[in-house]
């Protein structure tokens, strides 16, 4: 008898999770833009050499995602949209587990992690060449 209220609470939390995450992202964006960004120096590697470091464009990518501009986010830095996609797939895993059909949609093997890191490093090199 006690399982139904617990299940309802879990369902409510799962439903509220995306809205809470988006709200926190907007708050972080506002606080960052107001207090931190004016005091940060530009990327030293890009200033000195013109080459974009792996982190160049991540802030612009997050800003674009908060405005739901996925193409702009990909242009700024593809790492952030990829991480958002992974988070969405993990969220789907949570729903499947909640529904009683637990499945792993994201591989948990180290070769997947190394593959993602390799693709990201290749992307960082290619975006400086193009």
N, C-alpha and C. Protein backbone atom coordinates (compact mmCIF):
# COMPACT_ATOMS: atom_id res chain seq x y z
N UNK A 1 0.81 -1.19 0.00
CA UNK A 1 0.00 0.00 0.00
C UNK A 1 0.86 1.27 0.00
N UNK A 2 2.03 1.21 0.62
CA UNK A 2 2.88 2.39 0.69
C UNK A 2 3.66 2.63 -0.59
N UNK A 3 3.68 1.66 -1.50
CA UNK A 3 4.47 1.82 -2.71
C UNK A 3 3.87 2.83 -3.67
N UNK A 4 2.54 2.95 -3.71
CA UNK A 4 1.92 3.87 -4.66
C UNK A 4 2.29 5.33 -4.38
N UNK A 5 2.23 5.82 -3.14
CA UNK A 5 2.66 7.20 -2.92
C UNK A 5 4.13 7.42 -3.26
N UNK A 6 4.97 6.42 -2.99
CA UNK A 6 6.38 6.55 -3.32
C UNK A 6 6.57 6.62 -4.83
N UNK A 7 5.84 5.80 -5.58
CA UNK A 7 5.92 5.81 -7.04
C UNK A 7 5.42 7.13 -7.60
N UNK A 8 4.35 7.66 -7.01
CA UNK A 8 3.83 8.95 -7.47
C UNK A 8 4.84 10.06 -7.24
N UNK A 9 5.53 10.02 -6.11
CA UNK A 9 6.54 11.03 -5.81
C UNK A 9 7.70 10.91 -6.79
N UNK A 10 8.11 9.68 -7.11
CA UNK A 10 9.19 9.50 -8.08
C UNK A 10 8.77 10.02 -9.45
N UNK A 11 7.53 9.76 -9.85
CA UNK A 11 7.04 10.24 -11.15
C UNK A 11 7.00 11.76 -11.17
N UNK A 12 6.56 12.35 -10.07
CA UNK A 12 6.52 13.81 -10.00
C UNK A 12 7.93 14.40 -10.10
N UNK A 13 8.88 13.80 -9.39
CA UNK A 13 10.25 14.29 -9.45
C UNK A 13 10.85 14.13 -10.85
N UNK A 14 10.56 13.01 -11.51
CA UNK A 14 11.05 12.82 -12.87
C UNK A 14 10.43 13.82 -13.84
N UNK A 15 9.17 14.17 -13.62
CA UNK A 15 8.52 15.16 -14.49
C UNK A 15 9.08 16.56 -14.25
N UNK A 16 9.43 16.87 -13.02
CA UNK A 16 9.93 18.21 -12.70
C UNK A 16 11.41 18.39 -13.01
N UNK A 17 12.14 17.29 -13.17
CA UNK A 17 13.59 17.36 -13.36
C UNK A 17 14.01 18.22 -14.57
N UNK A 18 13.42 18.05 -15.76
CA UNK A 18 13.86 18.89 -16.89
C UNK A 18 13.58 20.38 -16.66
N UNK A 19 12.43 20.70 -16.09
CA UNK A 19 12.10 22.10 -15.84
C UNK A 19 13.06 22.69 -14.80
N UNK A 20 13.36 21.94 -13.77
CA UNK A 20 14.30 22.42 -12.75
C UNK A 20 15.69 22.60 -13.34
N UNK A 21 16.12 21.67 -14.16
CA UNK A 21 17.45 21.77 -14.78
C UNK A 21 17.52 22.98 -15.69
N UNK A 22 16.47 23.22 -16.47
CA UNK A 22 16.46 24.38 -17.37
C UNK A 22 16.44 25.68 -16.57
N UNK A 23 15.67 25.72 -15.49
CA UNK A 23 15.63 26.90 -14.64
C UNK A 23 16.99 27.19 -14.01
N UNK A 24 17.66 26.15 -13.54
CA UNK A 24 18.99 26.34 -12.97
C UNK A 24 19.99 26.81 -14.03
N UNK A 25 19.85 26.29 -15.24
CA UNK A 25 20.73 26.72 -16.34
C UNK A 25 20.53 28.20 -16.66
N UNK A 26 19.27 28.65 -16.69
CA UNK A 26 19.00 30.06 -16.94
C UNK A 26 19.53 30.94 -15.82
N UNK A 27 19.39 30.48 -14.58
CA UNK A 27 19.92 31.23 -13.44
C UNK A 27 21.44 31.32 -13.51
N UNK A 28 22.08 30.19 -13.82
CA UNK A 28 23.54 30.18 -13.92
C UNK A 28 24.00 31.09 -15.06
N UNK A 29 23.28 31.08 -16.18
CA UNK A 29 23.63 31.95 -17.31
C UNK A 29 23.55 33.42 -16.91
N UNK A 30 22.49 33.78 -16.20
CA UNK A 30 22.31 35.17 -15.78
C UNK A 30 23.40 35.59 -14.80
N UNK A 31 23.66 34.75 -13.81
CA UNK A 31 24.68 35.08 -12.82
C UNK A 31 26.07 35.15 -13.45
N UNK A 32 26.35 34.23 -14.36
CA UNK A 32 27.65 34.22 -15.04
C UNK A 32 27.82 35.49 -15.86
N UNK A 33 26.79 35.85 -16.63
CA UNK A 33 26.88 37.03 -17.50
C UNK A 33 27.02 38.31 -16.69
N UNK A 34 26.39 38.36 -15.55
CA UNK A 34 26.41 39.59 -14.76
C UNK A 34 27.68 39.73 -13.92
N UNK A 35 28.13 38.64 -13.29
CA UNK A 35 29.19 38.75 -12.31
C UNK A 35 30.55 38.21 -12.75
N UNK A 36 30.58 37.15 -13.51
CA UNK A 36 31.86 36.51 -13.83
C UNK A 36 32.43 36.94 -15.17
N UNK A 37 31.61 36.93 -16.19
CA UNK A 37 32.10 37.16 -17.55
C UNK A 37 32.86 38.48 -17.74
N UNK A 38 32.42 39.59 -17.15
CA UNK A 38 33.16 40.84 -17.37
C UNK A 38 34.58 40.82 -16.80
N UNK A 39 34.85 39.91 -15.88
CA UNK A 39 36.15 39.90 -15.22
C UNK A 39 37.10 38.81 -15.74
N UNK A 40 36.63 38.01 -16.68
CA UNK A 40 37.45 36.92 -17.20
C UNK A 40 38.26 37.38 -18.41
N UNK A 41 39.52 36.97 -18.48
CA UNK A 41 40.33 37.32 -19.66
C UNK A 41 39.93 36.45 -20.85
N UNK A 42 40.23 36.88 -22.06
CA UNK A 42 39.96 36.03 -23.23
C UNK A 42 40.88 34.82 -23.22
N UNK A 43 40.57 33.85 -24.05
CA UNK A 43 41.38 32.63 -24.15
C UNK A 43 42.80 33.01 -24.60
N UNK A 44 43.77 32.63 -23.82
CA UNK A 44 45.16 32.99 -24.11
C UNK A 44 45.67 32.30 -25.38
N UNK A 45 45.32 31.04 -25.57
CA UNK A 45 45.76 30.31 -26.76
C UNK A 45 45.20 30.96 -28.03
N UNK A 46 43.92 31.29 -28.00
CA UNK A 46 43.29 31.89 -29.18
C UNK A 46 43.82 33.30 -29.44
N UNK A 47 44.08 34.03 -28.37
CA UNK A 47 44.62 35.39 -28.52
C UNK A 47 46.02 35.35 -29.10
N UNK A 48 46.84 34.41 -28.62
CA UNK A 48 48.24 34.36 -29.05
C UNK A 48 48.43 33.72 -30.42
N UNK A 49 47.65 32.66 -30.70
CA UNK A 49 47.90 31.89 -31.91
C UNK A 49 46.76 31.90 -32.93
N UNK A 50 45.57 32.23 -32.48
CA UNK A 50 44.41 32.16 -33.37
C UNK A 50 43.79 30.78 -33.41
N UNK A 51 44.39 29.83 -32.71
CA UNK A 51 43.88 28.46 -32.65
C UNK A 51 42.88 28.36 -31.50
N UNK A 52 41.74 27.74 -31.79
CA UNK A 52 40.73 27.56 -30.74
C UNK A 52 41.11 26.38 -29.85
N UNK A 53 41.08 26.60 -28.55
CA UNK A 53 41.33 25.50 -27.61
C UNK A 53 40.07 24.64 -27.51
N UNK A 54 40.13 23.46 -26.89
CA UNK A 54 38.93 22.62 -26.79
C UNK A 54 37.77 23.29 -26.06
N UNK A 55 38.05 24.25 -25.19
CA UNK A 55 36.99 24.91 -24.45
C UNK A 55 36.42 26.15 -25.12
N UNK A 56 37.06 26.61 -26.19
CA UNK A 56 36.58 27.82 -26.88
C UNK A 56 35.17 27.57 -27.42
N UNK A 57 34.29 28.50 -27.12
CA UNK A 57 32.92 28.43 -27.64
C UNK A 57 31.93 27.73 -26.73
N UNK A 58 32.40 27.16 -25.63
CA UNK A 58 31.46 26.44 -24.76
C UNK A 58 30.43 27.38 -24.12
N UNK A 59 30.85 28.56 -23.72
CA UNK A 59 29.91 29.51 -23.13
C UNK A 59 28.88 29.95 -24.16
N UNK A 60 29.33 30.23 -25.37
CA UNK A 60 28.41 30.61 -26.43
C UNK A 60 27.45 29.47 -26.76
N UNK A 61 27.94 28.24 -26.67
CA UNK A 61 27.11 27.08 -26.93
C UNK A 61 26.01 26.95 -25.87
N UNK A 62 26.36 27.15 -24.62
CA UNK A 62 25.36 27.09 -23.54
C UNK A 62 24.34 28.21 -23.71
N UNK A 63 24.82 29.42 -24.05
CA UNK A 63 23.90 30.53 -24.27
C UNK A 63 22.93 30.21 -25.40
N UNK A 64 23.43 29.64 -26.48
CA UNK A 64 22.57 29.29 -27.62
C UNK A 64 21.54 28.23 -27.21
N UNK A 65 21.95 27.28 -26.39
CA UNK A 65 21.00 26.25 -25.96
C UNK A 65 19.93 26.82 -25.05
N UNK A 66 20.27 27.80 -24.22
CA UNK A 66 19.23 28.40 -23.38
C UNK A 66 18.19 29.14 -24.21
N UNK A 67 18.56 29.53 -25.41
CA UNK A 67 17.62 30.17 -26.33
C UNK A 67 17.07 29.18 -27.34
N UNK A 68 17.35 27.90 -27.14
CA UNK A 68 16.90 26.79 -27.98
C UNK A 68 17.38 26.92 -29.42
N UNK A 69 18.57 27.49 -29.59
CA UNK A 69 19.21 27.62 -30.90
C UNK A 69 20.24 26.50 -31.04
N UNK A 70 19.78 25.33 -31.49
CA UNK A 70 20.64 24.15 -31.55
C UNK A 70 21.73 24.29 -32.61
N UNK A 71 21.41 24.92 -33.73
CA UNK A 71 22.41 25.11 -34.78
C UNK A 71 23.52 26.04 -34.28
N UNK A 72 23.14 27.09 -33.60
CA UNK A 72 24.14 28.01 -33.04
C UNK A 72 25.00 27.34 -31.99
N UNK A 73 24.40 26.46 -31.20
CA UNK A 73 25.15 25.73 -30.18
C UNK A 73 26.17 24.80 -30.83
N UNK A 74 25.78 24.15 -31.92
CA UNK A 74 26.72 23.27 -32.62
C UNK A 74 27.85 24.06 -33.27
N UNK A 75 27.53 25.24 -33.81
CA UNK A 75 28.57 26.07 -34.42
C UNK A 75 29.57 26.55 -33.37
N UNK A 76 29.10 26.89 -32.18
CA UNK A 76 29.98 27.43 -31.14
C UNK A 76 30.92 26.35 -30.62
N UNK A 77 30.38 25.23 -30.20
CA UNK A 77 31.18 24.09 -29.73
C UNK A 77 30.25 22.90 -29.62
N UNK A 78 30.55 21.84 -30.34
CA UNK A 78 29.66 20.67 -30.42
C UNK A 78 29.66 19.83 -29.15
N UNK A 79 30.59 20.07 -28.25
CA UNK A 79 30.67 19.25 -27.03
C UNK A 79 29.44 19.44 -26.15
N UNK A 80 28.98 20.67 -26.01
CA UNK A 80 27.84 20.94 -25.13
C UNK A 80 26.55 20.31 -25.65
N UNK A 81 26.18 20.47 -26.92
CA UNK A 81 24.97 19.77 -27.40
C UNK A 81 25.08 18.25 -27.27
N UNK A 82 26.29 17.70 -27.46
CA UNK A 82 26.46 16.26 -27.30
C UNK A 82 26.21 15.86 -25.85
N UNK A 83 26.71 16.63 -24.90
CA UNK A 83 26.48 16.33 -23.48
C UNK A 83 25.00 16.47 -23.12
N UNK A 84 24.32 17.43 -23.72
CA UNK A 84 22.88 17.57 -23.49
C UNK A 84 22.13 16.37 -24.06
N UNK A 85 22.56 15.89 -25.22
CA UNK A 85 21.96 14.68 -25.80
C UNK A 85 22.17 13.48 -24.89
N UNK A 86 23.38 13.32 -24.37
CA UNK A 86 23.64 12.22 -23.43
C UNK A 86 22.77 12.33 -22.18
N UNK A 87 22.58 13.54 -21.68
CA UNK A 87 21.73 13.75 -20.51
C UNK A 87 20.28 13.38 -20.82
N UNK A 88 19.81 13.71 -22.02
CA UNK A 88 18.44 13.36 -22.42
C UNK A 88 18.26 11.85 -22.53
N UNK A 89 19.25 11.17 -23.06
CA UNK A 89 19.17 9.71 -23.17
C UNK A 89 19.22 9.08 -21.78
N UNK A 90 20.04 9.62 -20.89
CA UNK A 90 20.08 9.11 -19.51
C UNK A 90 18.74 9.36 -18.82
N UNK A 91 18.10 10.48 -19.10
CA UNK A 91 16.77 10.76 -18.56
C UNK A 91 15.76 9.72 -19.06
N UNK A 92 15.88 9.34 -20.33
CA UNK A 92 15.02 8.28 -20.86
C UNK A 92 15.27 6.96 -20.14
N UNK A 93 16.54 6.69 -19.82
CA UNK A 93 16.86 5.49 -19.03
C UNK A 93 16.17 5.51 -17.68
N UNK A 94 16.14 6.68 -17.04
CA UNK A 94 15.47 6.79 -15.74
C UNK A 94 13.98 6.50 -15.86
N UNK A 95 13.35 7.00 -16.94
CA UNK A 95 11.94 6.73 -17.15
C UNK A 95 11.68 5.25 -17.41
N UNK A 96 12.56 4.62 -18.20
CA UNK A 96 12.39 3.19 -18.45
C UNK A 96 12.54 2.39 -17.16
N UNK A 97 13.47 2.77 -16.32
CA UNK A 97 13.66 2.09 -15.03
C UNK A 97 12.43 2.31 -14.16
N UNK A 98 11.90 3.51 -14.15
CA UNK A 98 10.71 3.81 -13.36
C UNK A 98 9.51 3.01 -13.84
N UNK A 99 9.41 2.83 -15.16
CA UNK A 99 8.28 2.10 -15.74
C UNK A 99 8.40 0.59 -15.57
N UNK A 100 9.53 0.14 -15.03
CA UNK A 100 9.71 -1.29 -14.82
C UNK A 100 10.37 -2.01 -15.97
N UNK A 101 10.92 -1.28 -16.91
CA UNK A 101 11.62 -1.84 -18.06
C UNK A 101 13.04 -1.29 -18.11
N UNK A 102 13.87 -1.62 -17.12
CA UNK A 102 15.21 -1.03 -17.10
C UNK A 102 16.04 -1.45 -18.31
N UNK A 103 16.57 -0.45 -18.99
CA UNK A 103 17.44 -0.67 -20.15
C UNK A 103 18.57 0.33 -20.08
N UNK A 104 19.70 -0.08 -20.58
CA UNK A 104 20.83 0.82 -20.70
C UNK A 104 20.91 1.29 -22.14
N UNK A 105 20.65 2.56 -22.33
CA UNK A 105 20.70 3.14 -23.68
C UNK A 105 22.07 3.72 -23.98
N UNK A 106 22.81 4.07 -22.93
CA UNK A 106 24.16 4.60 -23.07
C UNK A 106 25.13 3.49 -22.67
N UNK A 107 26.04 3.11 -23.55
CA UNK A 107 27.02 2.08 -23.18
C UNK A 107 27.87 2.54 -21.99
N UNK A 108 28.17 1.63 -21.10
CA UNK A 108 28.95 1.96 -19.91
C UNK A 108 30.39 1.45 -20.01
N UNK A 109 30.78 0.96 -21.16
CA UNK A 109 32.13 0.42 -21.32
C UNK A 109 33.12 1.55 -21.56
N UNK A 110 34.36 1.31 -21.19
CA UNK A 110 35.39 2.34 -21.35
C UNK A 110 35.68 2.63 -22.82
N UNK A 111 35.46 1.66 -23.70
CA UNK A 111 35.71 1.90 -25.12
C UNK A 111 34.75 2.98 -25.66
N UNK A 112 33.53 3.06 -25.13
CA UNK A 112 32.59 4.12 -25.52
C UNK A 112 33.12 5.48 -25.07
N UNK A 113 33.61 5.54 -23.85
CA UNK A 113 34.17 6.78 -23.33
C UNK A 113 35.38 7.21 -24.15
N UNK A 114 36.28 6.28 -24.43
CA UNK A 114 37.45 6.61 -25.25
C UNK A 114 37.07 7.00 -26.66
N UNK A 115 36.06 6.37 -27.20
CA UNK A 115 35.57 6.74 -28.53
C UNK A 115 35.02 8.16 -28.55
N UNK A 116 34.23 8.51 -27.53
CA UNK A 116 33.70 9.87 -27.45
C UNK A 116 34.82 10.89 -27.30
N UNK A 117 35.79 10.60 -26.46
CA UNK A 117 36.92 11.51 -26.29
C UNK A 117 37.73 11.65 -27.57
N UNK A 118 37.91 10.56 -28.29
CA UNK A 118 38.65 10.60 -29.55
C UNK A 118 37.93 11.45 -30.59
N UNK A 119 36.61 11.27 -30.68
CA UNK A 119 35.83 12.06 -31.64
C UNK A 119 35.88 13.53 -31.26
N UNK A 120 35.82 13.83 -29.96
CA UNK A 120 35.88 15.22 -29.52
C UNK A 120 37.24 15.85 -29.85
N UNK A 121 38.32 15.10 -29.62
CA UNK A 121 39.65 15.62 -29.95
C UNK A 121 39.80 15.83 -31.46
N UNK A 122 39.28 14.90 -32.25
CA UNK A 122 39.30 15.05 -33.70
C UNK A 122 38.51 16.29 -34.13
N UNK A 123 37.37 16.48 -33.50
CA UNK A 123 36.56 17.68 -33.77
C UNK A 123 37.34 18.95 -33.43
N UNK A 124 38.03 18.95 -32.30
CA UNK A 124 38.81 20.14 -31.89
C UNK A 124 39.91 20.44 -32.89
N UNK A 125 40.51 19.42 -33.47
CA UNK A 125 41.55 19.63 -34.47
C UNK A 125 40.96 20.12 -35.78
N UNK A 126 39.89 19.44 -36.23
CA UNK A 126 39.30 19.78 -37.52
C UNK A 126 38.68 21.17 -37.55
N UNK A 127 38.11 21.62 -36.44
CA UNK A 127 37.49 22.95 -36.48
C UNK A 127 38.51 24.06 -36.60
N UNK A 128 39.76 23.77 -36.28
CA UNK A 128 40.83 24.76 -36.48
C UNK A 128 41.36 24.73 -37.90
N UNK A 129 41.18 23.62 -38.59
CA UNK A 129 41.67 23.51 -39.96
C UNK A 129 40.68 24.03 -40.98
N UNK A 130 39.41 23.97 -40.64
CA UNK A 130 38.36 24.37 -41.59
C UNK A 130 38.04 25.84 -41.45
